[in-house]
């Protein structure tokens, strides 16, 4: 089995893709762990800390664009 291959020209492109993945993993993708109960890690963390918003997460507009889906 082979995953997708992406070639990056520079560190800025690598950082952009890492930021996109972290946003997807932490904010968009639901998790199946028992304690998360289908929530994403970001809301679970907000609930655990009893806060309404994670102000330290600053997402650039470029990162906010959806990730391409596998064909």
PDB file of N, CA and C in Angstrom:
ATOM      1  N   UNK A   1       0.851  -1.169   0.000  1.00  0.00           N
ATOM      2  CA  UNK A   1       0.000   0.000   0.000  1.00  0.00           C
ATOM      3  C   UNK A   1       0.898   1.234   0.000  1.00  0.00           C
ATOM      4  N   UNK A   2       0.528   2.190  -0.811  1.00  0.00           N
ATOM      5  CA  UNK A   2       1.326   3.396  -0.918  1.00  0.00           C
ATOM      6  C   UNK A   2       0.459   4.611  -0.637  1.00  0.00           C
ATOM      7  N   UNK A   3       0.966   5.510   0.179  1.00  0.00           N
ATOM      8  CA  UNK A   3       0.246   6.749   0.476  1.00  0.00           C
ATOM      9  C   UNK A   3       0.523   7.797  -0.581  1.00  0.00           C
ATOM     10  N   UNK A   4      -0.109   8.936  -0.423  1.00  0.00           N
ATOM     11  CA  UNK A   4       0.105  10.030  -1.360  1.00  0.00           C
ATOM     12  C   UNK A   4       1.508  10.591  -1.225  1.00  0.00           C
ATOM     13  N   UNK A   5       2.018  11.099  -2.321  1.00  0.00           N
ATOM     14  CA  UNK A   5       3.344  11.696  -2.296  1.00  0.00           C
ATOM     15  C   UNK A   5       3.220  13.168  -2.642  1.00  0.00           C
ATOM     16  N   UNK A   6       3.775  14.002  -1.806  1.00  0.00           N
ATOM     17  CA  UNK A   6       3.778  15.433  -2.049  1.00  0.00           C
ATOM     18  C   UNK A   6       5.215  15.911  -1.991  1.00  0.00           C
ATOM     19  N   UNK A   7       5.613  16.650  -2.999  1.00  0.00           N
ATOM     20  CA  UNK A   7       6.958  17.198  -3.030  1.00  0.00           C
ATOM     21  C   UNK A   7       6.879  18.664  -2.640  1.00  0.00           C
ATOM     22  N   UNK A   8       7.707  19.054  -1.707  1.00  0.00           N
ATOM     23  CA  UNK A   8       7.728  20.431  -1.234  1.00  0.00           C
ATOM     24  C   UNK A   8       8.976  21.126  -1.756  1.00  0.00           C
ATOM     25  N   UNK A   9       8.810  22.387  -2.140  1.00  0.00           N
ATOM     26  CA  UNK A   9       9.938  23.150  -2.661  1.00  0.00           C
ATOM     27  C   UNK A   9      10.744  23.790  -1.531  1.00  0.00           C
ATOM     28  N   UNK A  10      10.076  24.164  -0.470  1.00  0.00           N
ATOM     29  CA  UNK A  10      10.799  24.817   0.619  1.00  0.00           C
ATOM     30  C   UNK A  10      10.130  24.595   1.955  1.00  0.00           C
ATOM     31  N   UNK A  11      10.759  25.080   3.010  1.00  0.00           N
ATOM     32  CA  UNK A  11      10.216  24.885   4.353  1.00  0.00           C
ATOM     33  C   UNK A  11       8.859  25.553   4.560  1.00  0.00           C
ATOM     34  N   UNK A  12       8.583  26.643   3.849  1.00  0.00           N
ATOM     35  CA  UNK A  12       7.279  27.301   3.992  1.00  0.00           C
ATOM     36  C   UNK A  12       6.145  26.386   3.550  1.00  0.00           C
ATOM     37  N   UNK A  13       6.360  25.646   2.475  1.00  0.00           N
ATOM     38  CA  UNK A  13       5.339  24.709   2.000  1.00  0.00           C
ATOM     39  C   UNK A  13       5.163  23.552   2.979  1.00  0.00           C
ATOM     40  N   UNK A  14       6.247  23.077   3.532  1.00  0.00           N
ATOM     41  CA  UNK A  14       6.168  21.995   4.519  1.00  0.00           C
ATOM     42  C   UNK A  14       5.382  22.467   5.738  1.00  0.00           C
ATOM     43  N   UNK A  15       5.690  23.668   6.235  1.00  0.00           N
ATOM     44  CA  UNK A  15       4.994  24.203   7.401  1.00  0.00           C
ATOM     45  C   UNK A  15       3.514  24.388   7.111  1.00  0.00           C
ATOM     46  N   UNK A  16       3.179  24.885   5.911  1.00  0.00           N
ATOM     47  CA  UNK A  16       1.778  25.076   5.529  1.00  0.00           C
ATOM     48  C   UNK A  16       1.027  23.751   5.583  1.00  0.00           C
ATOM     49  N   UNK A  17       1.616  22.703   5.022  1.00  0.00           N
ATOM     50  CA  UNK A  17       0.946  21.404   5.014  1.00  0.00           C
ATOM     51  C   UNK A  17       0.855  20.807   6.415  1.00  0.00           C
ATOM     52  N   UNK A  18       1.872  21.001   7.237  1.00  0.00           N
ATOM     53  CA  UNK A  18       1.800  20.533   8.625  1.00  0.00           C
ATOM     54  C   UNK A  18       0.704  21.267   9.391  1.00  0.00           C
ATOM     55  N   UNK A  19       0.603  22.582   9.186  1.00  0.00           N
ATOM     56  CA  UNK A  19      -0.449  23.361   9.846  1.00  0.00           C
ATOM     57  C   UNK A  19      -1.830  22.897   9.409  1.00  0.00           C
ATOM     58  N   UNK A  20      -1.980  22.618   8.119  1.00  0.00           N
ATOM     59  CA  UNK A  20      -3.267  22.119   7.614  1.00  0.00           C
ATOM     60  C   UNK A  20      -3.616  20.782   8.250  1.00  0.00           C
ATOM     61  N   UNK A  21      -2.626  19.885   8.344  1.00  0.00           N
ATOM     62  CA  UNK A  21      -2.885  18.581   8.939  1.00  0.00           C
ATOM     63  C   UNK A  21      -3.267  18.712  10.412  1.00  0.00           C
ATOM     64  N   UNK A  22      -2.529  19.530  11.157  1.00  0.00           N
ATOM     65  CA  UNK A  22      -2.829  19.699  12.581  1.00  0.00           C
ATOM     66  C   UNK A  22      -4.216  20.287  12.789  1.00  0.00           C
ATOM     67  N   UNK A  23      -4.620  21.218  11.927  1.00  0.00           N
ATOM     68  CA  UNK A  23      -5.966  21.786  12.020  1.00  0.00           C
ATOM     69  C   UNK A  23      -6.999  20.691  11.763  1.00  0.00           C
ATOM     70  N   UNK A  24      -6.783  19.904  10.716  1.00  0.00           N
ATOM     71  CA  UNK A  24      -7.708  18.824  10.381  1.00  0.00           C
ATOM     72  C   UNK A  24      -7.788  17.812  11.525  1.00  0.00           C
ATOM     73  N   UNK A  25      -6.631  17.395  12.030  1.00  0.00           N
ATOM     74  CA  UNK A  25      -6.580  16.364  13.062  1.00  0.00           C
ATOM     75  C   UNK A  25      -7.174  16.841  14.380  1.00  0.00           C
ATOM     76  N   UNK A  26      -6.902  18.088  14.754  1.00  0.00           N
ATOM     77  CA  UNK A  26      -7.312  18.577  16.069  1.00  0.00           C
ATOM     78  C   UNK A  26      -8.681  19.230  16.098  1.00  0.00           C
ATOM     79  N   UNK A  27      -9.148  19.756  14.968  1.00  0.00           N
ATOM     80  CA  UNK A  27     -10.372  20.549  14.973  1.00  0.00           C
ATOM     81  C   UNK A  27     -11.486  19.944  14.122  1.00  0.00           C
ATOM     82  N   UNK A  28     -11.150  19.301  13.006  1.00  0.00           N
ATOM     83  CA  UNK A  28     -12.186  18.846  12.076  1.00  0.00           C
ATOM     84  C   UNK A  28     -12.514  17.356  12.186  1.00  0.00           C
ATOM     85  N   UNK A  29     -11.509  16.523  12.363  1.00  0.00           N
ATOM     86  CA  UNK A  29     -11.686  15.069  12.318  1.00  0.00           C
ATOM     87  C   UNK A  29     -12.173  14.544  13.662  1.00  0.00           C
ATOM     88  N   UNK A  30     -13.314  13.858  13.649  1.00  0.00           N
ATOM     89  CA  UNK A  30     -13.783  13.271  14.907  1.00  0.00           C
ATOM     90  C   UNK A  30     -12.923  12.054  15.251  1.00  0.00           C
ATOM     91  N   UNK A  31     -12.765  11.814  16.536  1.00  0.00           N
ATOM     92  CA  UNK A  31     -11.929  10.715  17.005  1.00  0.00           C
ATOM     93  C   UNK A  31     -12.803   9.661  17.672  1.00  0.00           C
ATOM     94  N   UNK A  32     -12.329   8.430  17.659  1.00  0.00           N
ATOM     95  CA  UNK A  32     -13.133   7.330  18.161  1.00  0.00           C
ATOM     96  C   UNK A  32     -12.694   6.843  19.533  1.00  0.00           C
ATOM     97  N   UNK A  33     -11.789   7.523  20.163  1.00  0.00           N
ATOM     98  CA  UNK A  33     -11.348   7.125  21.493  1.00  0.00           C
ATOM     99  C   UNK A  33     -12.480   7.202  22.500  1.00  0.00           C
ATOM    100  N   UNK A  34     -12.458   6.338  23.478  1.00  0.00           N
ATOM    101  CA  UNK A  34     -13.534   6.255  24.468  1.00  0.00           C
ATOM    102  C   UNK A  34     -13.761   7.590  25.175  1.00  0.00           C
ATOM    103  N   UNK A  35     -12.703   8.228  25.599  1.00  0.00           N
ATOM    104  CA  UNK A  35     -12.850   9.473  26.355  1.00  0.00           C
ATOM    105  C   UNK A  35     -13.252  10.659  25.481  1.00  0.00           C
ATOM    106  N   UNK A  36     -12.926  10.605  24.199  1.00  0.00           N
ATOM    107  CA  UNK A  36     -13.299  11.717  23.316  1.00  0.00           C
ATOM    108  C   UNK A  36     -14.751  11.618  22.855  1.00  0.00           C
ATOM    109  N   UNK A  37     -15.294  10.417  22.798  1.00  0.00           N
ATOM    110  CA  UNK A  37     -16.704  10.198  22.443  1.00  0.00           C
ATOM    111  C   UNK A  37     -17.099  10.885  21.143  1.00  0.00           C
ATOM    112  N   UNK A  38     -16.254  10.763  20.127  1.00  0.00           N
ATOM    113  CA  UNK A  38     -16.557  11.317  18.813  1.00  0.00           C
ATOM    114  C   UNK A  38     -16.184  12.778  18.633  1.00  0.00           C
ATOM    115  N   UNK A  39     -15.746  13.421  19.702  1.00  0.00           N
ATOM    116  CA  UNK A  39     -15.343  14.821  19.579  1.00  0.00           C
ATOM    117  C   UNK A  39     -13.936  14.900  19.010  1.00  0.00           C
ATOM    118  N   UNK A  40     -13.578  16.078  18.563  1.00  0.00           N
ATOM    119  CA  UNK A  40     -12.202  16.298  18.144  1.00  0.00           C
ATOM    120  C   UNK A  40     -11.382  16.686  19.374  1.00  0.00           C
ATOM    121  N   UNK A  41     -10.056  16.588  19.311  1.00  0.00           N
ATOM    122  CA  UNK A  41      -9.239  16.925  20.472  1.00  0.00           C
ATOM    123  C   UNK A  41      -9.407  18.367  20.960  1.00  0.00           C
ATOM    124  N   UNK A  42      -9.608  19.319  20.066  1.00  0.00           N
ATOM    125  CA  UNK A  42      -9.710  20.722  20.498  1.00  0.00           C
ATOM    126  C   UNK A  42     -10.900  20.948  21.436  1.00  0.00           C
ATOM    127  N   UNK A  43     -12.136  20.555  21.077  1.00  0.00           N
ATOM    128  CA  UNK A  43     -13.244  20.732  22.013  1.00  0.00           C
ATOM    129  C   UNK A  43     -13.078  19.913  23.300  1.00  0.00           C
ATOM    130  N   UNK A  44     -12.480  18.741  23.197  1.00  0.00           N
ATOM    131  CA  UNK A  44     -12.248  17.936  24.400  1.00  0.00           C
ATOM    132  C   UNK A  44     -11.303  18.673  25.346  1.00  0.00           C
ATOM    133  N   UNK A  45     -10.283  19.308  24.797  1.00  0.00           N
ATOM    134  CA  UNK A  45      -9.354  20.080  25.619  1.00  0.00           C
ATOM    135  C   UNK A  45     -10.057  21.287  26.231  1.00  0.00           C
ATOM    136  N   UNK A  46     -10.883  21.962  25.443  1.00  0.00           N
ATOM    137  CA  UNK A  46     -11.616  23.118  25.973  1.00  0.00           C
ATOM    138  C   UNK A  46     -12.530  22.699  27.120  1.00  0.00           C
ATOM    139  N   UNK A  47     -13.201  21.556  26.977  1.00  0.00           N
ATOM    140  CA  UNK A  47     -14.062  21.053  28.055  1.00  0.00           C
ATOM    141  C   UNK A  47     -13.242  20.709  29.299  1.00  0.00           C
ATOM    142  N   UNK A  48     -12.102  20.055  29.093  1.00  0.00           N
ATOM    143  CA  UNK A  48     -11.266  19.652  30.224  1.00  0.00           C
ATOM    144  C   UNK A  48     -10.714  20.862  30.976  1.00  0.00           C
ATOM    145  N   UNK A  49     -10.421  21.927  30.248  1.00  0.00           N
ATOM    146  CA  UNK A  49      -9.880  23.133  30.876  1.00  0.00           C
ATOM    147  C   UNK A  49     -10.972  24.114  31.287  1.00  0.00           C
ATOM    148  N   UNK A  50     -12.225  23.787  30.952  1.00  0.00           N
ATOM    149  CA  UNK A  50     -13.376  24.648  31.257  1.00  0.00           C
ATOM    150  C   UNK A  50     -13.200  26.049  30.686  1.00  0.00           C
ATOM    151  N   UNK A  51     -12.788  26.091  29.412  1.00  0.00           N
ATOM    152  CA  UNK A  51     -12.662  27.378  28.729  1.00  0.00           C
ATOM    153  C   UNK A  51     -13.539  27.367  27.493  1.00  0.00           C
ATOM    154  N   UNK A  52     -13.898  28.525  27.017  1.00  0.00           N
ATOM    155  CA  UNK A  52     -14.790  28.622  25.871  1.00  0.00           C
ATOM    156  C   UNK A  52     -14.081  28.657  24.540  1.00  0.00           C
ATOM    157  N   UNK A  53     -12.798  28.998  24.545  1.00  0.00           N
ATOM    158  CA  UNK A  53     -12.090  29.153  23.282  1.00  0.00           C
ATOM    159  C   UNK A  53     -10.602  28.921  23.502  1.00  0.00           C
ATOM    160  N   UNK A  54      -9.965  28.325  22.513  1.00  0.00           N
ATOM    161  CA  UNK A  54      -8.515  28.154  22.565  1.00  0.00           C
ATOM    162  C   UNK A  54      -7.883  29.347  21.866  1.00  0.00           C
ATOM    163  N   UNK A  55      -7.574  30.377  22.610  1.00  0.00           N
ATOM    164  CA  UNK A  55      -7.076  31.610  22.014  1.00  0.00           C
ATOM    165  C   UNK A  55      -5.658  31.478  21.470  1.00  0.00           C
ATOM    166  N   UNK A  56      -4.908  30.481  21.899  1.00  0.00           N
ATOM    167  CA  UNK A  56      -3.540  30.322  21.419  1.00  0.00           C
ATOM    168  C   UNK A  56      -3.468  29.718  20.029  1.00  0.00           C
ATOM    169  N   UNK A  57      -4.562  29.141  19.566  1.00  0.00           N
ATOM    170  CA  UNK A  57      -4.559  28.572  18.226  1.00  0.00           C
ATOM    171  C   UNK A  57      -4.896  29.685  17.249  1.00  0.00           C
ATOM    172  N   UNK A  58      -3.915  30.086  16.492  1.00  0.00           N
ATOM    173  CA  UNK A  58      -4.119  31.124  15.490  1.00  0.00           C
ATOM    174  C   UNK A  58      -3.911  30.463  14.142  1.00  0.00           C
ATOM    175  N   UNK A  59      -4.962  30.453  13.354  1.00  0.00           N
ATOM    176  CA  UNK A  59      -4.896  29.803  12.055  1.00  0.00           C
ATOM    177  C   UNK A  59      -4.917  30.853  10.957  1.00  0.00           C
ATOM    178  N   UNK A  60      -3.941  30.784  10.082  1.00  0.00           N
ATOM    179  CA  UNK A  60      -3.922  31.720   8.966  1.00  0.00           C
ATOM    180  C   UNK A  60      -5.017  31.340   7.986  1.00  0.00           C
ATOM    181  N   UNK A  61      -5.366  32.270   7.125  1.00  0.00           N
ATOM    182  CA  UNK A  61      -6.426  32.010   6.159  1.00  0.00           C
ATOM    183  C   UNK A  61      -6.045  30.847   5.248  1.00  0.00           C
ATOM    184  N   UNK A  62      -4.759  30.749   4.913  1.00  0.00           N
ATOM    185  CA  UNK A  62      -4.299  29.674   4.042  1.00  0.00           C
ATOM    186  C   UNK A  62      -4.493  28.316   4.707  1.00  0.00           C
ATOM    187  N   UNK A  63      -4.278  28.238   6.005  1.00  0.00           N
ATOM    188  CA  UNK A  63      -4.442  26.985   6.738  1.00  0.00           C
ATOM    189  C   UNK A  63      -5.909  26.614   6.833  1.00  0.00           C
ATOM    190  N   UNK A  64      -6.796  27.599   6.873  1.00  0.00           N
ATOM    191  CA  UNK A  64      -8.221  27.342   7.024  1.00  0.00           C
ATOM    192  C   UNK A  64      -8.859  26.703   5.801  1.00  0.00           C
ATOM    193  N   UNK A  65      -8.170  26.690   4.682  1.00  0.00           N
ATOM    194  CA  UNK A  65      -8.743  26.082   3.493  1.00  0.00           C
ATOM    195  C   UNK A  65      -8.747  24.572   3.663  1.00  0.00           C
ATOM    196  N   UNK A  66      -9.788  23.904   3.139  1.00  0.00           N
ATOM    197  CA  UNK A  66      -9.894  22.457   3.344  1.00  0.00           C
ATOM    198  C   UNK A  66      -8.761  21.694   2.678  1.00  0.00           C
ATOM    199  N   UNK A  67      -8.433  20.566   3.269  1.00  0.00           N
ATOM    200  CA  UNK A  67      -7.426  19.689   2.683  1.00  0.00           C
ATOM    201  C   UNK A  67      -8.011  18.965   1.484  1.00  0.00           C
ATOM    202  N   UNK A  68      -7.202  18.721   0.461  1.00  0.00           N
ATOM    203  CA  UNK A  68      -7.712  17.946  -0.674  1.00  0.00           C
ATOM    204  C   UNK A  68      -7.957  16.505  -0.249  1.00  0.00           C
ATOM    205  N   UNK A  69      -8.977  15.898  -0.800  1.00  0.00           N
ATOM    206  CA  UNK A  69      -9.279  14.507  -0.474  1.00  0.00           C
ATOM    207  C   UNK A  69      -8.539  13.587  -1.428  1.00  0.00           C
ATOM    208  N   UNK A  70      -8.251  12.393  -0.966  1.00  0.00           N
ATOM    209  CA  UNK A  70      -7.547  11.417  -1.799  1.00  0.00           C
ATOM    210  C   UNK A  70      -8.449  10.957  -2.929  1.00  0.00           C
ATOM    211  N   UNK A  71      -7.855  10.775  -4.085  1.00  0.00           N
ATOM    212  CA  UNK A  71      -8.632  10.349  -5.259  1.00  0.00           C
ATOM    213  C   UNK A  71      -8.723   8.853  -5.333  1.00  0.00           C
TER     214      UNK A  71
END
